[in-house]
């Protein structure tokens, strides 16, 4: 297939990020998926293709109405990728994965509260857990979009997590950071109920992070 150098670079970046997810241990197998805004639509990972074997021409271009080449099959989670990018002009990349500690908290239906100041990197004073819905459904997409309002990350009940960003690098960085926060919160809960930072301090940190280029908001 014919594509511009920019499109090829985006497709390869998605493949590289998928492989990095597994290398970092924040995902297993092909259970995660990634999308990047492109032209008047998005590029999204195909379904059930091993990351090690994935080629640039297998990444699916999808229009914002959900249309795509009939011979290609996008990730089963394409709907929330599309809907997040449609609803968030400030976002150009979406990373979905099943990190162990994020998923443990998601199974329990728990938000991540401000146990550490780095919670501010996700855009607010908590990382919300969206209610459960079957994977790939419009209902799950609606829950995810709502949980991400004013945020750059969320958990998905009994499922996993989503991190978003202006660039794929930023979304990937945040995905790793959210798993770190989930691990820290899980560890605190083994000792007892952790003390939380106040919302005004998280906002103070968020503003300071913007000056250091650590936050997009």
N, C-alpha and C. Protein backbone atom coordinates (compact mmCIF):
# COMPACT_ATOMS: atom_id res chain seq x y z
N UNK A 1 0.84 -1.19 0.00
CA UNK A 1 0.00 0.00 0.00
C UNK A 1 0.88 1.24 0.00
N UNK A 2 0.40 2.31 -0.65
CA UNK A 2 1.16 3.55 -0.74
C UNK A 2 0.85 4.41 0.48
N UNK A 3 1.90 4.98 1.09
CA UNK A 3 1.70 5.86 2.23
C UNK A 3 2.82 6.88 2.30
N UNK A 4 2.54 8.00 2.94
CA UNK A 4 3.54 9.05 3.10
C UNK A 4 4.55 8.63 4.16
N UNK A 5 5.67 9.35 4.19
CA UNK A 5 6.69 9.07 5.20
C UNK A 5 6.15 9.31 6.60
N UNK A 6 5.30 10.33 6.75
CA UNK A 6 4.70 10.62 8.07
C UNK A 6 3.82 9.48 8.53
N UNK A 7 2.99 8.96 7.62
CA UNK A 7 2.11 7.85 8.00
C UNK A 7 2.91 6.60 8.33
N UNK A 8 3.93 6.32 7.55
CA UNK A 8 4.77 5.15 7.82
C UNK A 8 5.43 5.27 9.18
N UNK A 9 5.90 6.48 9.51
CA UNK A 9 6.55 6.69 10.81
C UNK A 9 5.56 6.46 11.95
N UNK A 10 4.32 6.92 11.78
CA UNK A 10 3.31 6.71 12.82
C UNK A 10 3.00 5.22 12.99
N UNK A 11 2.88 4.53 11.89
CA UNK A 11 2.59 3.09 11.95
C UNK A 11 3.71 2.33 12.65
N UNK A 12 4.95 2.68 12.32
CA UNK A 12 6.08 2.01 12.95
C UNK A 12 6.17 2.37 14.43
N UNK A 13 5.85 3.61 14.77
CA UNK A 13 5.87 4.03 16.18
C UNK A 13 4.85 3.24 16.99
N UNK A 14 3.69 2.96 16.41
CA UNK A 14 2.68 2.16 17.10
C UNK A 14 3.21 0.75 17.36
N UNK A 15 3.83 0.16 16.35
CA UNK A 15 4.40 -1.19 16.51
C UNK A 15 5.48 -1.19 17.58
N UNK A 16 6.37 -0.20 17.53
CA UNK A 16 7.44 -0.12 18.53
C UNK A 16 6.88 0.03 19.93
N UNK A 17 5.82 0.84 20.07
CA UNK A 17 5.22 1.05 21.39
C UNK A 17 4.55 -0.23 21.89
N UNK A 18 3.90 -0.98 21.00
CA UNK A 18 3.29 -2.25 21.39
C UNK A 18 4.35 -3.21 21.93
N UNK A 19 5.45 -3.32 21.23
CA UNK A 19 6.53 -4.20 21.67
C UNK A 19 7.12 -3.73 23.00
N UNK A 20 7.20 -2.41 23.15
CA UNK A 20 7.75 -1.86 24.40
C UNK A 20 6.82 -2.13 25.57
N UNK A 21 5.50 -2.09 25.34
CA UNK A 21 4.55 -2.40 26.41
C UNK A 21 4.85 -3.77 27.01
N UNK A 22 5.03 -4.75 26.16
CA UNK A 22 5.29 -6.09 26.64
C UNK A 22 6.67 -6.20 27.29
N UNK A 23 7.67 -5.52 26.70
CA UNK A 23 9.02 -5.56 27.26
C UNK A 23 9.05 -4.93 28.65
N UNK A 24 8.22 -3.90 28.87
CA UNK A 24 8.16 -3.23 30.16
C UNK A 24 7.30 -3.98 31.17
N UNK A 25 6.56 -4.98 30.69
CA UNK A 25 5.72 -5.76 31.58
C UNK A 25 4.39 -5.12 31.90
N UNK A 26 3.99 -4.08 31.12
CA UNK A 26 2.69 -3.46 31.39
C UNK A 26 1.59 -4.05 30.53
N UNK A 27 1.93 -5.06 29.75
CA UNK A 27 0.93 -5.75 28.95
C UNK A 27 1.40 -7.17 28.70
N UNK A 28 0.47 -8.04 28.33
CA UNK A 28 0.80 -9.42 28.06
C UNK A 28 0.19 -9.83 26.73
N UNK A 29 1.00 -10.46 25.88
CA UNK A 29 0.50 -10.94 24.60
C UNK A 29 -0.01 -9.81 23.73
N UNK A 30 -1.20 -10.01 23.14
CA UNK A 30 -1.79 -8.99 22.27
C UNK A 30 -3.02 -8.36 22.92
N UNK A 31 -3.10 -8.40 24.24
CA UNK A 31 -4.29 -7.91 24.93
C UNK A 31 -4.40 -6.39 24.93
N UNK A 32 -3.29 -5.68 24.70
CA UNK A 32 -3.33 -4.23 24.66
C UNK A 32 -3.55 -3.73 23.24
N UNK A 33 -3.79 -2.45 23.11
CA UNK A 33 -3.96 -1.85 21.79
C UNK A 33 -3.64 -0.37 21.85
N UNK A 34 -3.25 0.18 20.72
CA UNK A 34 -2.77 1.56 20.64
C UNK A 34 -3.35 2.24 19.41
N UNK A 35 -3.64 3.52 19.53
CA UNK A 35 -4.08 4.30 18.37
C UNK A 35 -3.41 5.66 18.38
N UNK A 36 -3.31 6.24 17.18
CA UNK A 36 -2.72 7.56 16.99
C UNK A 36 -3.59 8.31 15.98
N UNK A 37 -3.87 9.56 16.25
CA UNK A 37 -4.64 10.37 15.32
C UNK A 37 -3.87 10.51 14.01
N UNK A 38 -4.58 10.42 12.88
CA UNK A 38 -3.93 10.59 11.59
C UNK A 38 -4.94 11.13 10.58
N UNK A 39 -4.55 12.24 9.91
CA UNK A 39 -5.41 12.86 8.91
C UNK A 39 -6.79 13.11 9.52
N UNK A 40 -7.86 12.64 8.87
CA UNK A 40 -9.21 12.85 9.39
C UNK A 40 -9.73 11.61 10.11
N UNK A 41 -8.81 10.78 10.59
CA UNK A 41 -9.20 9.57 11.31
C UNK A 41 -8.12 9.15 12.28
N UNK A 42 -7.89 7.85 12.36
CA UNK A 42 -6.90 7.33 13.29
C UNK A 42 -6.26 6.07 12.74
N UNK A 43 -5.07 5.79 13.24
CA UNK A 43 -4.39 4.53 12.97
C UNK A 43 -4.49 3.70 14.24
N UNK A 44 -4.93 2.46 14.13
CA UNK A 44 -5.13 1.62 15.31
C UNK A 44 -4.59 0.22 15.05
N UNK A 45 -4.13 -0.43 16.09
CA UNK A 45 -3.59 -1.77 15.96
C UNK A 45 -4.66 -2.76 15.47
N UNK A 46 -4.24 -3.75 14.70
CA UNK A 46 -5.18 -4.79 14.25
C UNK A 46 -5.45 -5.77 15.38
N UNK A 47 -6.47 -6.56 15.23
CA UNK A 47 -6.80 -7.55 16.24
C UNK A 47 -5.97 -8.82 16.06
N UNK A 48 -5.54 -9.39 17.18
CA UNK A 48 -4.94 -10.73 17.23
C UNK A 48 -3.70 -10.92 16.37
N UNK A 49 -2.92 -9.87 16.19
CA UNK A 49 -1.66 -10.00 15.46
C UNK A 49 -0.52 -9.88 16.46
N UNK A 50 0.34 -10.89 16.59
CA UNK A 50 1.47 -10.80 17.53
C UNK A 50 2.32 -9.58 17.24
N UNK A 51 2.68 -8.86 18.28
CA UNK A 51 3.45 -7.63 18.08
C UNK A 51 4.77 -7.88 17.36
N UNK A 52 5.39 -9.02 17.66
CA UNK A 52 6.69 -9.32 17.05
C UNK A 52 6.59 -9.48 15.54
N UNK A 53 5.43 -9.87 15.07
CA UNK A 53 5.24 -10.11 13.64
C UNK A 53 4.51 -8.97 12.94
N UNK A 54 4.06 -7.98 13.69
CA UNK A 54 3.24 -6.91 13.12
C UNK A 54 4.05 -6.06 12.14
N UNK A 55 3.44 -5.75 11.01
CA UNK A 55 4.06 -4.93 9.98
C UNK A 55 3.28 -3.63 9.81
N UNK A 56 3.95 -2.56 9.35
CA UNK A 56 3.27 -1.27 9.21
C UNK A 56 1.98 -1.32 8.41
N UNK A 57 1.93 -2.12 7.35
CA UNK A 57 0.71 -2.13 6.52
C UNK A 57 -0.44 -2.88 7.18
N UNK A 58 -0.17 -3.52 8.34
CA UNK A 58 -1.25 -4.18 9.08
C UNK A 58 -1.96 -3.24 10.05
N UNK A 59 -1.33 -2.11 10.37
CA UNK A 59 -2.00 -1.11 11.19
C UNK A 59 -3.18 -0.58 10.39
N UNK A 60 -4.33 -0.47 11.05
CA UNK A 60 -5.58 -0.14 10.37
C UNK A 60 -5.84 1.37 10.39
N UNK A 61 -6.08 1.95 9.21
CA UNK A 61 -6.57 3.34 9.18
C UNK A 61 -8.08 3.29 9.27
N UNK A 62 -8.62 4.06 10.21
CA UNK A 62 -10.06 4.10 10.41
C UNK A 62 -10.55 5.53 10.36
N UNK A 63 -11.63 5.77 9.61
CA UNK A 63 -12.26 7.09 9.60
C UNK A 63 -13.03 7.27 10.91
N UNK A 64 -13.36 8.52 11.23
CA UNK A 64 -14.06 8.79 12.49
C UNK A 64 -15.49 8.24 12.52
N UNK A 65 -15.99 7.78 11.37
CA UNK A 65 -17.30 7.12 11.37
C UNK A 65 -17.18 5.61 11.54
N UNK A 66 -15.94 5.13 11.75
CA UNK A 66 -15.70 3.71 11.96
C UNK A 66 -15.39 2.93 10.70
N UNK A 67 -15.41 3.59 9.54
CA UNK A 67 -15.14 2.90 8.28
C UNK A 67 -13.65 2.58 8.15
N UNK A 68 -13.36 1.43 7.56
CA UNK A 68 -11.98 1.02 7.32
C UNK A 68 -11.96 0.04 6.15
N UNK A 69 -10.77 -0.24 5.65
CA UNK A 69 -10.65 -1.17 4.51
C UNK A 69 -11.26 -2.52 4.89
N UNK A 70 -12.07 -3.09 4.03
CA UNK A 70 -12.78 -4.33 4.36
C UNK A 70 -11.86 -5.53 4.62
N UNK A 71 -10.66 -5.51 4.08
CA UNK A 71 -9.76 -6.64 4.28
C UNK A 71 -8.99 -6.55 5.60
N UNK A 72 -9.17 -5.44 6.33
CA UNK A 72 -8.47 -5.28 7.60
C UNK A 72 -9.45 -5.40 8.76
N UNK A 73 -8.92 -5.84 9.90
CA UNK A 73 -9.76 -5.99 11.09
C UNK A 73 -9.10 -5.26 12.25
N UNK A 74 -9.67 -4.14 12.68
CA UNK A 74 -9.07 -3.36 13.76
C UNK A 74 -9.23 -4.04 15.12
N UNK A 75 -8.50 -3.56 16.09
CA UNK A 75 -8.64 -4.04 17.47
C UNK A 75 -10.10 -4.08 17.88
N UNK A 76 -10.45 -5.06 18.69
CA UNK A 76 -11.82 -5.16 19.18
C UNK A 76 -12.21 -3.95 20.03
N UNK A 77 -11.19 -3.20 20.50
CA UNK A 77 -11.45 -2.01 21.32
C UNK A 77 -11.42 -0.72 20.51
N UNK A 78 -11.52 -0.83 19.18
CA UNK A 78 -11.42 0.36 18.34
C UNK A 78 -12.40 1.44 18.75
N UNK A 79 -13.55 1.05 19.27
CA UNK A 79 -14.60 2.04 19.55
C UNK A 79 -14.17 3.07 20.57
N UNK A 80 -13.55 2.64 21.69
CA UNK A 80 -13.17 3.68 22.65
C UNK A 80 -11.97 4.47 22.16
N UNK A 81 -11.11 3.87 21.34
CA UNK A 81 -10.03 4.66 20.74
C UNK A 81 -10.63 5.78 19.89
N UNK A 82 -11.56 5.42 19.01
CA UNK A 82 -12.20 6.40 18.13
C UNK A 82 -12.95 7.46 18.93
N UNK A 83 -13.71 7.03 19.93
CA UNK A 83 -14.54 7.97 20.68
C UNK A 83 -13.70 8.91 21.55
N UNK A 84 -12.62 8.41 22.11
CA UNK A 84 -11.74 9.29 22.89
C UNK A 84 -11.12 10.35 21.99
N UNK A 85 -10.62 9.95 20.83
CA UNK A 85 -10.00 10.91 19.92
C UNK A 85 -11.04 11.89 19.37
N UNK A 86 -12.27 11.45 19.18
CA UNK A 86 -13.33 12.34 18.71
C UNK A 86 -13.69 13.38 19.77
N UNK A 87 -13.67 12.97 21.03
CA UNK A 87 -14.13 13.85 22.11
C UNK A 87 -13.03 14.71 22.71
N UNK A 88 -11.76 14.39 22.40
CA UNK A 88 -10.65 15.10 23.03
C UNK A 88 -9.70 15.69 21.97
N UNK A 89 -9.91 16.96 21.66
CA UNK A 89 -9.04 17.63 20.69
C UNK A 89 -7.61 17.78 21.21
N UNK A 90 -7.43 17.66 22.53
CA UNK A 90 -6.11 17.80 23.14
C UNK A 90 -5.32 16.49 23.12
N UNK A 91 -5.89 15.44 22.57
CA UNK A 91 -5.28 14.11 22.62
C UNK A 91 -5.03 13.58 21.21
N UNK A 92 -3.85 13.03 20.99
CA UNK A 92 -3.52 12.45 19.69
C UNK A 92 -3.10 10.98 19.78
N UNK A 93 -3.05 10.42 20.99
CA UNK A 93 -2.65 9.02 21.14
C UNK A 93 -3.38 8.38 22.31
N UNK A 94 -3.74 7.11 22.14
CA UNK A 94 -4.43 6.34 23.18
C UNK A 94 -3.71 5.01 23.37
N UNK A 95 -3.37 4.71 24.61
CA UNK A 95 -2.71 3.45 24.95
C UNK A 95 -3.61 2.68 25.91
N UNK A 96 -3.93 1.44 25.55
CA UNK A 96 -4.72 0.57 26.42
C UNK A 96 -3.91 -0.68 26.72
N UNK A 97 -3.84 -1.02 28.00
CA UNK A 97 -3.06 -2.20 28.41
C UNK A 97 -3.69 -2.82 29.64
N UNK A 98 -3.13 -3.97 30.05
CA UNK A 98 -3.61 -4.70 31.22
C UNK A 98 -2.47 -4.88 32.23
N UNK A 99 -1.90 -3.78 32.74
CA UNK A 99 -0.82 -3.92 33.72
C UNK A 99 -1.32 -4.62 34.98
N UNK A 100 -0.47 -5.39 35.61
CA UNK A 100 -0.90 -6.23 36.74
C UNK A 100 -1.55 -5.44 37.87
N UNK A 101 -0.89 -4.39 38.36
CA UNK A 101 -1.42 -3.69 39.53
C UNK A 101 -2.62 -2.82 39.17
N UNK A 102 -2.59 -2.20 38.01
CA UNK A 102 -3.78 -1.47 37.56
C UNK A 102 -4.98 -2.40 37.47
N UNK A 103 -4.74 -3.60 36.96
CA UNK A 103 -5.83 -4.54 36.78
C UNK A 103 -6.33 -5.07 38.12
N UNK A 104 -5.43 -5.27 39.07
CA UNK A 104 -5.87 -5.69 40.41
C UNK A 104 -6.83 -4.67 41.00
N UNK A 105 -6.47 -3.39 40.93
CA UNK A 105 -7.34 -2.34 41.46
C UNK A 105 -8.63 -2.25 40.65
N UNK A 106 -8.52 -2.43 39.32
CA UNK A 106 -9.71 -2.38 38.47
C UNK A 106 -10.68 -3.51 38.78
N UNK A 107 -10.15 -4.69 39.06
CA UNK A 107 -11.00 -5.82 39.45
C UNK A 107 -11.80 -5.48 40.71
N UNK A 108 -11.15 -4.73 41.60
CA UNK A 108 -11.80 -4.32 42.84
C UNK A 108 -12.67 -3.07 42.66
N UNK A 109 -12.69 -2.51 41.45
CA UNK A 109 -13.50 -1.33 41.18
C UNK A 109 -13.00 -0.09 41.91
N UNK A 110 -11.69 -0.01 42.14
CA UNK A 110 -11.12 1.06 42.95
C UNK A 110 -10.48 2.15 42.09
N UNK A 111 -10.73 3.41 42.45
CA UNK A 111 -9.97 4.52 41.91
C UNK A 111 -8.59 4.52 42.55
N UNK A 112 -7.64 5.23 41.94
CA UNK A 112 -6.35 5.48 42.59
C UNK A 112 -6.41 6.89 43.15
N UNK A 113 -6.39 7.03 44.48
CA UNK A 113 -6.47 8.35 45.10
C UNK A 113 -5.09 9.02 45.15
N UNK A 114 -5.00 10.24 45.65
CA UNK A 114 -3.71 10.96 45.68
C UNK A 114 -2.77 10.46 46.77
N UNK A 115 -2.27 9.24 46.61
CA UNK A 115 -1.31 8.68 47.57
C UNK A 115 0.10 9.21 47.31
N UNK A 116 0.32 9.76 46.13
CA UNK A 116 1.63 10.29 45.74
C UNK A 116 1.40 11.50 44.86
N UNK A 117 2.29 12.47 44.92
CA UNK A 117 2.07 13.69 44.15
C UNK A 117 2.07 13.45 42.64
N UNK A 118 2.68 12.33 42.19
CA UNK A 118 2.72 12.07 40.74
C UNK A 118 1.34 11.72 40.17
N UNK A 119 0.33 11.58 41.03
CA UNK A 119 -1.03 11.39 40.53
C UNK A 119 -1.42 12.57 39.64
N UNK A 120 -0.80 13.73 39.90
CA UNK A 120 -1.09 14.95 39.13
C UNK A 120 -0.74 14.79 37.66
N UNK A 121 0.18 13.89 37.33
CA UNK A 121 0.56 13.67 35.94
C UNK A 121 -0.61 13.17 35.10
N UNK A 122 -1.60 12.57 35.77
CA UNK A 122 -2.78 12.06 35.08
C UNK A 122 -3.88 13.11 34.97
N UNK A 123 -3.58 14.35 35.38
CA UNK A 123 -4.49 15.46 35.13
C UNK A 123 -5.40 15.88 36.26
N UNK A 124 -5.38 15.20 37.40
CA UNK A 124 -6.27 15.57 38.49
C UNK A 124 -5.83 14.93 39.79
N UNK A 125 -6.73 14.87 40.76
CA UNK A 125 -6.39 14.35 42.08
C UNK A 125 -6.80 12.89 42.27
N UNK A 126 -7.12 12.22 41.17
CA UNK A 126 -7.42 10.78 41.24
C UNK A 126 -7.34 10.20 39.84
N UNK A 127 -7.24 8.88 39.80
CA UNK A 127 -7.38 8.15 38.53
C UNK A 127 -8.64 7.31 38.70
N UNK A 128 -9.67 7.68 37.99
CA UNK A 128 -10.98 7.04 38.17
C UNK A 128 -11.01 5.63 37.58
N UNK A 129 -11.87 4.82 38.15
CA UNK A 129 -12.14 3.50 37.60
C UNK A 129 -13.52 3.55 36.93
N UNK A 130 -13.54 3.36 35.62
CA UNK A 130 -14.81 3.36 34.88
C UNK A 130 -15.61 2.11 35.20
N UNK A 131 -16.94 2.20 35.23
CA UNK A 131 -17.77 1.02 35.48
C UNK A 131 -17.55 -0.08 34.44
N UNK A 132 -17.87 -1.29 34.82
CA UNK A 132 -17.68 -2.42 33.91
C UNK A 132 -18.69 -2.40 32.76
N UNK A 133 -18.19 -2.80 31.59
CA UNK A 133 -19.04 -3.11 30.43
C UNK A 133 -18.24 -4.08 29.57
N UNK A 134 -18.92 -4.88 28.78
CA UNK A 134 -18.26 -5.86 27.93
C UNK A 134 -17.28 -5.18 26.98
N UNK A 135 -16.13 -5.82 26.77
CA UNK A 135 -15.11 -5.24 25.92
C UNK A 135 -15.64 -4.99 24.51
N UNK A 136 -15.18 -3.91 23.90
CA UNK A 136 -15.54 -3.60 22.53
C UNK A 136 -16.91 -2.97 22.34
N UNK A 137 -17.65 -2.74 23.41
CA UNK A 137 -19.01 -2.22 23.27
C UNK A 137 -19.07 -0.70 23.35
N UNK A 138 -20.17 -0.16 22.83
CA UNK A 138 -20.41 1.28 22.94
C UNK A 138 -20.54 1.69 24.40
N UNK A 139 -21.09 0.81 25.22
CA UNK A 139 -21.25 1.11 26.64
C UNK A 139 -19.90 1.30 27.32
N UNK A 140 -18.94 0.42 27.03
CA UNK A 140 -17.62 0.55 27.60
C UNK A 140 -16.97 1.86 27.13
N UNK A 141 -17.15 2.18 25.86
CA UNK A 141 -16.59 3.42 25.33
C UNK A 141 -17.15 4.63 26.06
N UNK A 142 -18.45 4.64 26.29
CA UNK A 142 -19.08 5.75 27.01
C UNK A 142 -18.53 5.88 28.41
N UNK A 143 -18.36 4.74 29.09
CA UNK A 143 -17.81 4.77 30.45
C UNK A 143 -16.38 5.33 30.44
N UNK A 144 -15.57 4.90 29.46
CA UNK A 144 -14.18 5.34 29.39
C UNK A 144 -14.08 6.83 29.13
N UNK A 145 -14.85 7.31 28.17
CA UNK A 145 -14.83 8.75 27.85
C UNK A 145 -15.22 9.57 29.07
N UNK A 146 -16.22 9.11 29.81
CA UNK A 146 -16.68 9.83 31.00
C UNK A 146 -15.60 9.81 32.09
N UNK A 147 -14.97 8.66 32.29
CA UNK A 147 -13.94 8.56 33.33
C UNK A 147 -12.72 9.41 33.01
N UNK A 148 -12.51 9.69 31.73
CA UNK A 148 -11.36 10.49 31.29
C UNK A 148 -11.64 11.98 31.25
N UNK A 149 -12.84 12.39 31.60
CA UNK A 149 -13.14 13.83 31.60
C UNK A 149 -12.21 14.55 32.58
N UNK A 150 -11.44 15.51 32.07
CA UNK A 150 -10.50 16.23 32.92
C UNK A 150 -9.31 15.40 33.36
N UNK A 151 -9.10 14.25 32.74
CA UNK A 151 -8.03 13.33 33.12
C UNK A 151 -7.28 12.84 31.89
N UNK A 152 -6.12 12.25 32.13
CA UNK A 152 -5.31 11.66 31.07
C UNK A 152 -5.16 10.15 31.24
N UNK A 153 -5.82 9.59 32.23
CA UNK A 153 -5.76 8.14 32.45
C UNK A 153 -6.96 7.69 33.24
N UNK A 154 -7.33 6.43 33.06
CA UNK A 154 -8.38 5.83 33.87
C UNK A 154 -8.16 4.33 33.93
N UNK A 155 -8.81 3.70 34.89
CA UNK A 155 -8.88 2.24 34.96
C UNK A 155 -10.23 1.82 34.39
N UNK A 156 -10.31 0.56 33.99
CA UNK A 156 -11.56 -0.01 33.49
C UNK A 156 -11.92 -1.20 34.36
N UNK A 157 -13.06 -1.14 35.03
CA UNK A 157 -13.47 -2.16 35.98
C UNK A 157 -13.36 -3.56 35.39
N UNK A 158 -12.68 -4.46 36.15
CA UNK A 158 -12.48 -5.85 35.72
C UNK A 158 -11.84 -5.95 34.34
N UNK A 159 -10.93 -5.04 34.01
CA UNK A 159 -10.40 -5.01 32.65
C UNK A 159 -8.94 -4.56 32.62
N UNK A 160 -8.67 -3.27 32.73
CA UNK A 160 -7.30 -2.78 32.59
C UNK A 160 -7.23 -1.28 32.76
N UNK A 161 -6.42 -0.62 31.92
CA UNK A 161 -6.26 0.82 32.04
C UNK A 161 -6.14 1.47 30.67
N UNK A 162 -6.35 2.78 30.64
CA UNK A 162 -6.16 3.60 29.44
C UNK A 162 -5.33 4.81 29.83
N UNK A 163 -4.34 5.14 29.00
CA UNK A 163 -3.58 6.38 29.15
C UNK A 163 -3.62 7.11 27.83
N UNK A 164 -3.78 8.42 27.87
CA UNK A 164 -3.88 9.22 26.65
C UNK A 164 -2.88 10.36 26.71
N UNK A 165 -2.57 10.94 25.54
CA UNK A 165 -1.61 12.03 25.53
C UNK A 165 -1.57 12.76 24.22
N UNK A 166 -0.91 13.90 24.23
CA UNK A 166 -0.73 14.67 23.01
C UNK A 166 0.14 13.94 22.01
N UNK A 167 1.06 13.11 22.52
CA UNK A 167 1.91 12.29 21.66
C UNK A 167 1.89 10.86 22.17
N UNK A 168 2.32 9.94 21.33
CA UNK A 168 2.38 8.54 21.74
C UNK A 168 3.42 8.36 22.84
N UNK A 169 4.53 9.06 22.74
CA UNK A 169 5.56 8.96 23.79
C UNK A 169 4.99 9.38 25.14
N UNK A 170 4.21 10.45 25.17
CA UNK A 170 3.64 10.92 26.44
C UNK A 170 2.60 9.94 26.98
N UNK A 171 1.79 9.39 26.09
CA UNK A 171 0.80 8.41 26.53
C UNK A 171 1.48 7.15 27.08
N UNK A 172 2.56 6.72 26.44
CA UNK A 172 3.30 5.56 26.92
C UNK A 172 3.95 5.84 28.26
N UNK A 173 4.57 7.02 28.38
CA UNK A 173 5.19 7.39 29.66
C UNK A 173 4.15 7.36 30.77
N UNK A 174 2.96 7.91 30.49
CA UNK A 174 1.92 7.95 31.51
C UNK A 174 1.42 6.56 31.86
N UNK A 175 1.31 5.67 30.87
CA UNK A 175 0.86 4.31 31.15
C UNK A 175 1.79 3.63 32.16
N UNK A 176 3.09 3.83 32.00
CA UNK A 176 4.06 3.26 32.93
C UNK A 176 3.91 3.91 34.30
N UNK A 177 3.72 5.22 34.33
CA UNK A 177 3.58 5.95 35.60
C UNK A 177 2.32 5.52 36.35
N UNK A 178 1.23 5.30 35.63
CA UNK A 178 -0.01 4.88 36.29
C UNK A 178 0.16 3.49 36.90
N UNK A 179 0.86 2.60 36.22
CA UNK A 179 1.11 1.29 36.81
C UNK A 179 1.98 1.41 38.05
N UNK A 180 2.94 2.33 38.05
CA UNK A 180 3.76 2.57 39.25
C UNK A 180 2.89 3.05 40.40
N UNK A 181 2.00 4.00 40.11
CA UNK A 181 1.09 4.50 41.14
C UNK A 181 0.18 3.40 41.68
N UNK A 182 -0.31 2.54 40.79
CA UNK A 182 -1.17 1.43 41.21
C UNK A 182 -0.40 0.48 42.11
N UNK A 183 0.85 0.22 41.77
CA UNK A 183 1.68 -0.67 42.59
C UNK A 183 1.93 -0.05 43.96
N UNK A 184 2.20 1.25 43.99
CA UNK A 184 2.43 1.93 45.27
C UNK A 184 1.16 1.92 46.14
N UNK A 185 0.03 2.19 45.53
CA UNK A 185 -1.23 2.19 46.28
C UNK A 185 -1.54 0.80 46.81
N UNK A 186 -1.35 -0.21 45.97
CA UNK A 186 -1.57 -1.59 46.39
C UNK A 186 -0.67 -1.92 47.58
N UNK A 187 0.59 -1.49 47.53
CA UNK A 187 1.52 -1.74 48.63
C UNK A 187 1.08 -1.05 49.91
N UNK A 188 0.62 0.18 49.80
CA UNK A 188 0.13 0.91 50.98
C UNK A 188 -1.04 0.19 51.63
N UNK A 189 -1.93 -0.35 50.80
CA UNK A 189 -3.11 -1.02 51.33
C UNK A 189 -2.77 -2.28 52.11
N UNK A 190 -1.57 -2.83 51.87
CA UNK A 190 -1.15 -4.01 52.64
C UNK A 190 -0.80 -3.63 54.08
N UNK A 191 -0.50 -2.34 54.28
CA UNK A 191 -0.13 -1.85 55.62
C UNK A 191 -1.33 -1.26 56.33
N UNK A 192 -2.15 -0.56 55.59
CA UNK A 192 -3.32 0.08 56.18
C UNK A 192 -3.88 1.11 55.23
N UNK A 193 -4.74 1.98 55.73
CA UNK A 193 -5.34 3.02 54.92
C UNK A 193 -4.33 4.16 54.78
N UNK A 194 -3.88 4.47 53.55
CA UNK A 194 -2.84 5.47 53.39
C UNK A 194 -3.37 6.90 53.55
N UNK A 195 -2.56 7.79 54.11
CA UNK A 195 -2.94 9.21 54.14
C UNK A 195 -2.88 9.76 52.72
N UNK A 196 -3.76 10.69 52.42
CA UNK A 196 -3.86 11.23 51.06
C UNK A 196 -3.45 12.69 51.02
N UNK A 197 -2.89 13.11 49.91
CA UNK A 197 -2.56 14.51 49.71
C UNK A 197 -3.84 15.28 49.38
N UNK A 198 -3.95 16.53 49.84
CA UNK A 198 -5.15 17.32 49.55
C UNK A 198 -5.22 17.73 48.09
N UNK A 199 -6.43 17.99 47.62
CA UNK A 199 -6.64 18.34 46.22
C UNK A 199 -5.90 19.60 45.82
N UNK A 200 -5.83 20.59 46.73
CA UNK A 200 -5.14 21.84 46.36
C UNK A 200 -3.65 21.62 46.17
N UNK A 201 -3.07 20.67 46.89
CA UNK A 201 -1.65 20.37 46.68
C UNK A 201 -1.44 19.65 45.35
N UNK A 202 -2.35 18.76 44.98
CA UNK A 202 -2.23 18.09 43.69
C UNK A 202 -2.33 19.11 42.56
N UNK A 203 -3.23 20.09 42.69
CA UNK A 203 -3.33 21.13 41.67
C UNK A 203 -2.05 21.96 41.62
N UNK A 204 -1.47 22.25 42.78
CA UNK A 204 -0.20 22.97 42.83
C UNK A 204 0.89 22.19 42.09
N UNK A 205 0.95 20.89 42.34
CA UNK A 205 1.94 20.04 41.67
C UNK A 205 1.67 20.00 40.17
N UNK A 206 0.41 19.90 39.79
CA UNK A 206 0.06 19.83 38.37
C UNK A 206 0.55 21.08 37.63
N UNK A 207 0.35 22.24 38.27
CA UNK A 207 0.81 23.50 37.66
C UNK A 207 2.33 23.54 37.56
N UNK A 208 3.00 23.05 38.58
CA UNK A 208 4.47 23.04 38.55
C UNK A 208 4.99 22.07 37.48
N UNK A 209 4.30 20.93 37.34
CA UNK A 209 4.69 19.97 36.31
C UNK A 209 4.60 20.57 34.91
N UNK A 210 3.58 21.40 34.68
CA UNK A 210 3.41 22.02 33.37
C UNK A 210 4.64 22.84 33.01
N UNK A 211 5.25 23.46 34.01
CA UNK A 211 6.45 24.24 33.78
C UNK A 211 7.67 23.41 33.46
N UNK A 212 7.63 22.15 33.88
CA UNK A 212 8.75 21.24 33.62
C UNK A 212 8.50 20.35 32.40
N UNK A 213 7.37 20.53 31.76
CA UNK A 213 7.05 19.73 30.59
C UNK A 213 6.61 18.31 30.92
N UNK A 214 6.22 18.06 32.18
CA UNK A 214 5.80 16.71 32.57
C UNK A 214 4.30 16.50 32.44
N UNK A 215 3.59 17.57 32.19
CA UNK A 215 2.13 17.45 32.05
C UNK A 215 1.70 18.16 30.79
N UNK A 216 0.62 17.66 30.20
CA UNK A 216 0.12 18.25 28.97
C UNK A 216 -1.04 19.19 29.21
N UNK A 217 -1.48 19.29 30.46
CA UNK A 217 -2.71 20.05 30.71
C UNK A 217 -2.40 21.39 31.33
